[in-house]
Amino acid sequence: MFDHLSLLTLYSEWGVDETLTSLCTNHLDDRKSTPSIPVIKTSSPHHHSLVKHTNQSLQAKNIDELCKAIVSFKEFPLHNTAMHSILPKGNPNSPIFVIGEVPDADEDRSGQVFFGQSEFWLNQMLNSIHLSLEDCFRMPIIPWRPPGGRQLSNNELTVCLPFLYKALEIYKPQFIFSVGILPARVLTQTSAPISQLQGKWHTIHLPQTHITLQLFPLRHPSQIQASAKIRQETWHDLLHIRKTLEEAGINFPI
């Protein structure tokens, strides 16, 4: 039997001088477990709606129409948190298409792909083989920077990729340079490190088309600045690119 006098003595020793309820609770009884609320996992209808929207809206017949589709995609959260939509731009007659990483803070503030330090160092790389960014058509892998530069989610990438694929389908470049690991992995459909992808041309296939294109992965300029070994490897990559362009009959400057 529960000893009320012992409990009151214990409360007195602990300094308890008031009660919070008029009911007497036996804290020595075994507590009954509270049933947990079942979690029902469902797929996100909003995500499927966004993917459907990008696929339906990308009936663009030229780059201008594609840019309008990107700017008008206002129901996508990244569109609303980014400062600018980073649109494809550059020489429309160039045989070279350069694809950048997820936009960084400089690109988001300026609204320009390859802006600030990345623009400077990438131009240094291309100038070494008598090219420049202005000679190339260019576009980031997605049009918007995630908030705070956080990592891009798989769902966000899935929603955005149709814009890139449509640009490549419209443009049909003779050669593609990818800058950084994410564009290289996405376009080659592999999870291999950039060290295994660089140094050679890759034949890529655009989804839902019969189009094949030639891709050469390059290191991101931030990596090149950090390592003498990577700079040496990149120099050999650039010489390989230069030789391929010359063999294709591309005159410099473009």
Foldseek 3Di string as FASTA:
>chain_A
DDDPVVVVVVCVVVPNDDDPDPDDDDPVDDDDDDDDDDDDDDDDPVLVVLLVLLVVCLPDQAQVSLVVSQQPSVVDVQNVQFQEFQGKDADLPALEEEEEEADDPQCSVVSYDQDDPQQVLVQVLQVVLQEHRNNYIYYYQFRGAHPPNDDDDPSNSSSGNSSVLSNCVNSVHQEYEYEADPVQCVQQVHPDGVVVQADDWDWGQRPPDRRIYIYHYAYRSVVCVVDPVSVVSSNNRSVVVSVVCVVVVNDPPD
